[in-house]
Amino acid sequence: MGLVEGVPLLLLFAWFLSALHVGSISAERSTYIVHMDKTFMPKALASPDYCAMVSQDELESVKKSPGFLSAYRDRHVTIDTTHTTEFLSLNTATGLWPASDYGKDVIVGVIDTGVWPESPSFRDDGMTEVKGTFKVGQEFNSSLCNLKLIGA
């Protein structure tokens, strides 16, 4: 009888250990936004950008893949507006918005003393090279520029 009485406790302990193990596995994996050169993408994926829940080792493996451009951890953010296209009166069917490929590779010039180049809003991951040259002026700090933000 002593052996039978210990079985439920042993099963409970085994369940608890398995729950801890599953929890540790899921804690090791994070969701990343991955950008790949579209010429290297598998045909099954329609977009060169995808989201994947991977471990750190799996992410390092993806980074070594041909065509890898960038990956960054997905994070929850609060949006400032949900109606930017409406606010700017942009028509999704005709006009400037679709003609510009919906803003793809568009550089937005801003003259504002409140711009912080290190802000994640100005990350240039996956953007194509600038087509053109820029005139360097006095007190021009090129380290404040990237493919998305041009110092002024």
C-alpha atoms as a PDB file:
ATOM      1  CA  MET A   1       0.000   0.000   0.000  1.00  0.00           C
ATOM      2  CA  GLY A   2       2.866   2.407   0.682  1.00  0.00           C
ATOM      3  CA  LEU A   3       3.961   2.257  -2.962  1.00  0.00           C
ATOM      4  CA  VAL A   4       0.442   2.942  -4.297  1.00  0.00           C
ATOM      5  CA  GLU A   5      -0.032   5.923  -1.987  1.00  0.00           C
ATOM      6  CA  GLY A   6       3.114   7.573  -3.366  1.00  0.00           C
ATOM      7  CA  VAL A   7       2.058   7.255  -7.040  1.00  0.00           C
ATOM      8  CA  PRO A   8      -0.273  10.334  -7.123  1.00  0.00           C
ATOM      9  CA  LEU A   9       2.420  12.430  -5.474  1.00  0.00           C
ATOM     10  CA  LEU A  10       5.013  11.122  -7.946  1.00  0.00           C
ATOM     11  CA  LEU A  11       2.684  11.900 -10.885  1.00  0.00           C
ATOM     12  CA  LEU A  12       2.053  15.395  -9.538  1.00  0.00           C
ATOM     13  CA  PHE A  13       5.813  15.959  -9.176  1.00  0.00           C
ATOM     14  CA  ALA A  14       6.434  14.683 -12.747  1.00  0.00           C
ATOM     15  CA  TRP A  15       3.710  17.004 -14.077  1.00  0.00           C
ATOM     16  CA  PHE A  16       5.254  19.934 -12.194  1.00  0.00           C
ATOM     17  CA  LEU A  17       8.741  19.216 -13.628  1.00  0.00           C
ATOM     18  CA  SER A  18       7.339  18.932 -17.157  1.00  0.00           C
ATOM     19  CA  ALA A  19       5.505  22.249 -16.721  1.00  0.00           C
ATOM     20  CA  LEU A  20       8.744  23.880 -15.610  1.00  0.00           C
ATOM     21  CA  HIS A  21      10.562  22.415 -18.604  1.00  0.00           C
ATOM     22  CA  VAL A  22       7.899  23.630 -21.080  1.00  0.00           C
ATOM     23  CA  GLY A  23       7.970  27.067 -19.437  1.00  0.00           C
ATOM     24  CA  SER A  24      11.740  27.265 -19.780  1.00  0.00           C
ATOM     25  CA  ILE A  25      11.562  26.260 -23.455  1.00  0.00           C
ATOM     26  CA  SER A  26       9.009  28.964 -24.269  1.00  0.00           C
ATOM     27  CA  ALA A  27      11.008  31.550 -22.286  1.00  0.00           C
ATOM     28  CA  GLU A  28      14.046  30.863 -24.480  1.00  0.00           C
ATOM     29  CA  ARG A  29      12.142  31.640 -27.684  1.00  0.00           C
ATOM     30  CA  SER A  30      11.252  35.157 -28.791  1.00  0.00           C
ATOM     31  CA  THR A  31       9.409  36.598 -31.752  1.00  0.00           C
ATOM     32  CA  TYR A  32      11.609  38.378 -34.297  1.00  0.00           C
ATOM     33  CA  ILE A  33      10.794  40.365 -37.411  1.00  0.00           C
ATOM     34  CA  VAL A  34      13.153  39.071 -40.108  1.00  0.00           C
ATOM     35  CA  HIS A  35      13.991  40.856 -43.364  1.00  0.00           C
ATOM     36  CA  MET A  36      15.492  38.857 -46.234  1.00  0.00           C
ATOM     37  CA  ASP A  37      16.560  39.755 -49.760  1.00  0.00           C
ATOM     38  CA  LYS A  38      13.574  38.596 -51.811  1.00  0.00           C
ATOM     39  CA  THR A  39      15.807  36.766 -54.314  1.00  0.00           C
ATOM     40  CA  PHE A  40      16.817  34.359 -51.534  1.00  0.00           C
ATOM     41  CA  MET A  41      13.333  33.758 -50.117  1.00  0.00           C
ATOM     42  CA  PRO A  42      11.759  30.306 -50.371  1.00  0.00           C
ATOM     43  CA  LYS A  43       8.913  30.246 -52.910  1.00  0.00           C
ATOM     44  CA  ALA A  44       6.470  29.298 -50.130  1.00  0.00           C
ATOM     45  CA  LEU A  45       6.912  32.716 -48.512  1.00  0.00           C
ATOM     46  CA  ALA A  46       5.300  35.522 -50.473  1.00  0.00           C
ATOM     47  CA  SER A  47       7.044  38.336 -48.600  1.00  0.00           C
ATOM     48  CA  PRO A  48      10.743  38.986 -47.920  1.00  0.00           C
ATOM     49  CA  ASP A  49       9.694  40.060 -44.415  1.00  0.00           C
ATOM     50  CA  TYR A  50       8.371  37.536 -41.976  1.00  0.00           C
ATOM     51  CA  CYS A  51       7.827  36.963 -38.299  1.00  0.00           C
ATOM     52  CA  ALA A  52       9.300  33.933 -36.533  1.00  0.00           C
ATOM     53  CA  MET A  53       9.421  32.652 -32.971  1.00  0.00           C
ATOM     54  CA  VAL A  54      12.965  31.343 -32.623  1.00  0.00           C
ATOM     55  CA  SER A  55      15.601  30.587 -30.017  1.00  0.00           C
ATOM     56  CA  GLN A  56      18.816  32.604 -29.908  1.00  0.00           C
ATOM     57  CA  ASP A  57      20.686  29.725 -31.629  1.00  0.00           C
ATOM     58  CA  GLU A  58      18.059  29.549 -34.400  1.00  0.00           C
ATOM     59  CA  LEU A  59      18.290  33.325 -34.875  1.00  0.00           C
ATOM     60  CA  GLU A  60      22.076  33.098 -35.229  1.00  0.00           C
ATOM     61  CA  SER A  61      21.574  30.402 -37.869  1.00  0.00           C
ATOM     62  CA  VAL A  62      19.100  32.617 -39.787  1.00  0.00           C
ATOM     63  CA  LYS A  63      21.600  35.505 -39.639  1.00  0.00           C
ATOM     64  CA  LYS A  64      24.138  33.314 -41.486  1.00  0.00           C
ATOM     65  CA  SER A  65      21.654  32.548 -44.285  1.00  0.00           C
ATOM     66  CA  PRO A  66      22.297  33.998 -47.747  1.00  0.00           C
ATOM     67  CA  GLY A  67      20.111  37.045 -48.290  1.00  0.00           C
ATOM     68  CA  PHE A  68      19.704  37.862 -44.600  1.00  0.00           C
ATOM     69  CA  LEU A  69      19.258  41.630 -44.145  1.00  0.00           C
ATOM     70  CA  SER A  70      18.180  42.209 -40.556  1.00  0.00           C
ATOM     71  CA  ALA A  71      16.217  40.867 -37.627  1.00  0.00           C
ATOM     72  CA  TYR A  72      14.929  42.598 -34.573  1.00  0.00           C
ATOM     73  CA  ARG A  73      12.880  41.454 -31.643  1.00  0.00           C
ATOM     74  CA  ASP A  74       9.192  42.172 -31.974  1.00  0.00           C
ATOM     75  CA  ARG A  75       7.819  44.421 -29.288  1.00  0.00           C
ATOM     76  CA  HIS A  76       4.456  45.828 -28.345  1.00  0.00           C
ATOM     77  CA  VAL A  77       4.114  49.522 -29.068  1.00  0.00           C
ATOM     78  CA  THR A  78       1.444  52.141 -28.657  1.00  0.00           C
ATOM     79  CA  ILE A  79       0.465  53.777 -31.919  1.00  0.00           C
ATOM     80  CA  ASP A  80       0.159  57.545 -31.998  1.00  0.00           C
ATOM     81  CA  THR A  81      -2.538  57.559 -34.662  1.00  0.00           C
ATOM     82  CA  THR A  82      -4.531  54.933 -36.482  1.00  0.00           C
ATOM     83  CA  HIS A  83      -5.719  57.211 -39.277  1.00  0.00           C
ATOM     84  CA  THR A  84      -2.571  58.762 -40.777  1.00  0.00           C
ATOM     85  CA  THR A  85      -3.677  58.107 -44.349  1.00  0.00           C
ATOM     86  CA  GLU A  86      -7.067  59.680 -43.626  1.00  0.00           C
ATOM     87  CA  PHE A  87      -5.488  62.607 -41.781  1.00  0.00           C
ATOM     88  CA  LEU A  88      -3.241  63.288 -44.792  1.00  0.00           C
ATOM     89  CA  SER A  89      -6.137  62.690 -47.213  1.00  0.00           C
ATOM     90  CA  LEU A  90      -4.240  59.912 -48.989  1.00  0.00           C
ATOM     91  CA  ASN A  91      -6.328  57.857 -51.400  1.00  0.00           C
ATOM     92  CA  THR A  92      -5.349  54.170 -51.323  1.00  0.00           C
ATOM     93  CA  ALA A  93      -6.586  53.558 -54.883  1.00  0.00           C
ATOM     94  CA  THR A  94      -5.276  56.543 -56.852  1.00  0.00           C
ATOM     95  CA  GLY A  95      -2.915  59.474 -56.482  1.00  0.00           C
ATOM     96  CA  LEU A  96       0.347  60.032 -54.663  1.00  0.00           C
ATOM     97  CA  TRP A  97       0.019  57.240 -52.094  1.00  0.00           C
ATOM     98  CA  PRO A  98      -0.160  54.264 -54.526  1.00  0.00           C
ATOM     99  CA  ALA A  99       2.102  56.069 -57.038  1.00  0.00           C
ATOM    100  CA  SER A 100       4.834  56.148 -54.375  1.00  0.00           C
ATOM    101  CA  ASP A 101       4.412  52.404 -53.766  1.00  0.00           C
ATOM    102  CA  TYR A 102       2.778  53.327 -50.445  1.00  0.00           C
ATOM    103  CA  GLY A 103       5.903  55.041 -49.156  1.00  0.00           C
ATOM    104  CA  LYS A 104       8.382  52.250 -49.919  1.00  0.00           C
ATOM    105  CA  ASP A 105      11.973  53.602 -49.923  1.00  0.00           C
ATOM    106  CA  VAL A 106      10.727  57.149 -49.265  1.00  0.00           C
ATOM    107  CA  ILE A 107      13.050  59.383 -47.266  1.00  0.00           C
ATOM    108  CA  VAL A 108      11.184  61.870 -45.118  1.00  0.00           C
ATOM    109  CA  GLY A 109      13.033  65.127 -44.540  1.00  0.00           C
ATOM    110  CA  VAL A 110      12.293  66.794 -41.228  1.00  0.00           C
ATOM    111  CA  ILE A 111      13.718  70.055 -39.929  1.00  0.00           C
ATOM    112  CA  ASP A 112      12.964  69.935 -36.252  1.00  0.00           C
ATOM    113  CA  THR A 113      15.165  70.441 -33.219  1.00  0.00           C
ATOM    114  CA  GLY A 114      13.251  67.621 -31.530  1.00  0.00           C
ATOM    115  CA  VAL A 115      14.453  64.840 -33.877  1.00  0.00           C
ATOM    116  CA  TRP A 116      16.512  62.189 -32.098  1.00  0.00           C
ATOM    117  CA  PRO A 117      18.433  60.103 -34.694  1.00  0.00           C
ATOM    118  CA  GLU A 118      18.884  57.275 -32.188  1.00  0.00           C
ATOM    119  CA  SER A 119      15.096  56.853 -31.939  1.00  0.00           C
ATOM    120  CA  PRO A 120      13.865  53.439 -33.155  1.00  0.00           C
ATOM    121  CA  SER A 121      11.506  55.353 -35.473  1.00  0.00           C
ATOM    122  CA  PHE A 122      14.494  56.180 -37.653  1.00  0.00           C
ATOM    123  CA  ARG A 123      15.939  52.660 -37.994  1.00  0.00           C
ATOM    124  CA  ASP A 124      16.912  51.994 -41.593  1.00  0.00           C
ATOM    125  CA  ASP A 125      16.984  48.180 -41.539  1.00  0.00           C
ATOM    126  CA  GLY A 126      16.279  46.776 -44.975  1.00  0.00           C
ATOM    127  CA  MET A 127      16.152  50.084 -46.840  1.00  0.00           C
ATOM    128  CA  THR A 128      17.856  50.348 -50.228  1.00  0.00           C
ATOM    129  CA  GLU A 129      20.863  52.596 -50.814  1.00  0.00           C
ATOM    130  CA  VAL A 130      20.325  56.322 -51.377  1.00  0.00           C
ATOM    131  CA  LYS A 131      20.142  57.270 -55.063  1.00  0.00           C
ATOM    132  CA  GLY A 132      22.081  60.523 -55.270  1.00  0.00           C
ATOM    133  CA  THR A 133      24.607  62.664 -53.461  1.00  0.00           C
ATOM    134  CA  PHE A 134      24.348  65.284 -50.754  1.00  0.00           C
ATOM    135  CA  LYS A 135      26.143  68.541 -50.262  1.00  0.00           C
ATOM    136  CA  VAL A 136      28.033  68.684 -46.970  1.00  0.00           C
ATOM    137  CA  GLY A 137      27.608  71.987 -45.134  1.00  0.00           C
ATOM    138  CA  GLN A 138      29.111  73.612 -42.070  1.00  0.00           C
ATOM    139  CA  GLU A 139      28.729  71.727 -38.816  1.00  0.00           C
ATOM    140  CA  PHE A 140      27.439  68.725 -40.756  1.00  0.00           C
ATOM    141  CA  ASN A 141      27.682  65.526 -38.718  1.00  0.00           C
ATOM    142  CA  SER A 142      27.278  62.562 -41.070  1.00  0.00           C
ATOM    143  CA  SER A 143      26.963  60.189 -38.104  1.00  0.00           C
ATOM    144  CA  LEU A 144      23.450  61.588 -37.635  1.00  0.00           C
ATOM    145  CA  CYS A 145      22.433  60.229 -41.039  1.00  0.00           C
ATOM    146  CA  ASN A 146      21.374  56.797 -42.199  1.00  0.00           C
ATOM    147  CA  LEU A 147      19.282  55.506 -45.092  1.00  0.00           C
ATOM    148  CA  LYS A 148      16.135  56.913 -43.510  1.00  0.00           C
ATOM    149  CA  LEU A 149      17.239  60.161 -41.863  1.00  0.00           C
ATOM    150  CA  ILE A 150      19.357  62.874 -43.460  1.00  0.00           C
ATOM    151  CA  GLY A 151      20.919  65.443 -41.142  1.00  0.00           C
ATOM    152  CA  ALA A 152      20.059  69.054 -41.858  1.00  0.00           C
END
